[in-house]
Amino acid sequence: MRTRAQPDRKLWRWYVVLLIANELDLVFTYLGLSRGTFLEANPLVRPYLYTWWPFVMKLAPLAGLALAIAVVVRRGQHLHPRTLTAIRLAAVIYGGILLLHVLTLLRAA
C-alpha cells in the first residue's frame, strides 16, 4: 500500500533533478561562452551575463516552484499527478538543453 509520503518524495526528487539541471545549464553556458562556442540566446540575460543576475534569474523561479510544491503537498493528493507531470516535463526539457550543450562543446573541442 502506498503511503502519503511516496508521492511527496517523488515531487521533491524531480524538483531536485530540475534544480540541478538548471544550474548545470548555467555552468555549461558559461563554459561555452568562455570558450567562444556559445552565444547567449536570451536577450534579457545578455546585458547581465557576467553578473549575479543570471544566477538569481534561475534561482528565483525555482524557489517559487519549491513553495508551490510545498503548497501542493499540503493541500492533498489530487494535485500531485499534474504537478509531478509538469516538473518531469520541465526536467526532460532541461535534459535536452544540457544534451545540446554537451554535444556543442564536444563538437567544438
Protein backbone atom coordinates (compact mmCIF):
# COMPACT_ATOMS: atom_id res chain seq x y z
CA MET A 1 0.00 0.00 0.00
CA ARG A 2 1.25 3.47 -0.88
CA THR A 3 1.78 5.96 1.84
CA ARG A 4 1.22 9.68 1.52
CA ALA A 5 4.97 10.29 1.74
CA GLN A 6 5.73 8.40 -1.51
CA PRO A 7 4.15 10.92 -3.93
CA ASP A 8 5.60 13.75 -1.85
CA ARG A 9 9.09 12.28 -2.20
CA LYS A 10 8.64 11.89 -5.96
CA LEU A 11 7.73 15.55 -6.29
CA TRP A 12 10.74 16.63 -4.30
CA ARG A 13 13.11 14.25 -6.12
CA TRP A 14 12.03 15.59 -9.50
CA TYR A 15 12.34 19.12 -8.16
CA VAL A 16 15.96 18.39 -7.18
CA VAL A 17 16.60 16.95 -10.66
CA LEU A 18 15.17 20.14 -12.19
CA LEU A 19 17.21 22.33 -9.83
CA ILE A 20 20.44 20.52 -10.73
CA ALA A 21 19.62 20.64 -14.45
CA ASN A 22 19.01 24.39 -14.26
CA GLU A 23 22.29 25.06 -12.53
CA LEU A 24 24.17 22.75 -14.92
CA ASP A 25 22.64 24.72 -17.78
CA LEU A 26 24.17 27.85 -16.29
CA VAL A 27 27.56 26.16 -15.81
CA PHE A 28 27.62 24.79 -19.38
CA THR A 29 26.51 28.16 -20.75
CA TYR A 30 29.40 29.91 -19.02
CA LEU A 31 31.80 27.19 -20.15
CA GLY A 32 30.63 27.55 -23.74
CA LEU A 33 30.80 31.35 -23.53
CA SER A 34 34.33 31.26 -22.13
CA ARG A 35 35.46 29.03 -25.00
CA GLY A 36 33.70 31.13 -27.59
CA THR A 37 31.48 28.17 -28.51
CA PHE A 38 28.16 29.66 -27.40
CA LEU A 39 26.39 32.95 -27.72
CA GLU A 40 23.73 33.78 -25.15
CA ALA A 41 20.38 33.49 -26.94
CA ASN A 42 18.26 35.10 -24.24
CA PRO A 43 18.18 38.86 -24.89
CA LEU A 44 17.09 39.54 -21.29
CA VAL A 45 20.18 37.84 -19.89
CA ARG A 46 22.74 39.07 -22.43
CA PRO A 47 23.43 42.51 -20.86
CA TYR A 48 23.81 40.99 -17.38
CA LEU A 49 25.71 37.88 -18.37
CA TYR A 50 28.78 38.38 -16.21
CA THR A 51 26.92 39.49 -13.10
CA TRP A 52 24.94 37.61 -10.46
CA TRP A 53 21.64 38.23 -12.26
CA PRO A 54 21.60 35.02 -14.36
CA PHE A 55 22.02 33.01 -11.17
CA VAL A 56 19.23 34.98 -9.48
CA MET A 57 17.05 34.64 -12.58
CA LYS A 58 17.44 30.86 -12.33
CA LEU A 59 17.10 30.62 -8.58
CA ALA A 60 14.05 32.85 -8.05
CA PRO A 61 11.61 30.78 -10.15
CA LEU A 62 12.97 27.58 -8.62
CA ALA A 63 12.38 28.99 -5.14
CA GLY A 64 8.82 29.85 -6.21
CA LEU A 65 8.40 26.32 -7.52
CA ALA A 66 9.59 24.89 -4.20
CA LEU A 67 6.97 26.99 -2.45
CA ALA A 68 4.31 25.77 -4.89
CA ILE A 69 5.32 22.15 -4.27
CA ALA A 70 5.05 22.71 -0.53
CA VAL A 71 1.51 24.04 -1.07
CA VAL A 72 0.59 21.09 -3.30
CA VAL A 73 1.94 18.62 -0.76
CA ARG A 74 -0.01 20.32 1.98
CA ARG A 75 -3.27 20.54 0.03
CA GLY A 76 -3.52 16.92 -0.94
CA GLN A 77 -3.14 14.03 -3.32
CA HIS A 78 -5.40 15.21 -6.15
CA LEU A 79 -2.86 17.83 -7.23
CA HIS A 80 0.17 15.53 -7.20
CA PRO A 81 -0.20 13.91 -10.65
CA ARG A 82 -0.47 17.20 -12.55
CA THR A 83 2.32 18.82 -10.60
CA LEU A 84 4.57 15.79 -10.99
CA THR A 85 3.90 15.67 -14.73
CA ALA A 86 4.76 19.36 -15.11
CA ILE A 87 8.00 19.03 -13.13
CA ARG A 88 9.02 15.91 -15.06
CA LEU A 89 8.35 17.67 -18.36
CA ALA A 90 10.45 20.67 -17.30
CA ALA A 91 13.27 18.34 -16.20
CA VAL A 92 13.16 16.49 -19.53
CA ILE A 93 13.28 19.79 -21.43
CA TYR A 94 16.30 20.90 -19.42
CA GLY A 95 17.85 17.48 -20.00
CA GLY A 96 17.54 18.12 -23.73
CA ILE A 97 19.12 21.54 -23.33
CA LEU A 98 22.01 20.01 -21.39
CA LEU A 99 22.46 17.37 -24.09
CA LEU A 100 22.66 20.11 -26.72
CA HIS A 101 25.23 21.97 -24.61
CA VAL A 102 27.38 18.86 -24.23
CA LEU A 103 27.16 17.97 -27.93
CA THR A 104 28.06 21.53 -28.92
CA LEU A 105 31.03 21.59 -26.54
CA LEU A 106 32.25 18.20 -27.78
CA ARG A 107 31.89 19.20 -31.41
CA ALA A 108 33.87 22.38 -30.78
CA ALA A 109 36.65 20.55 -28.93
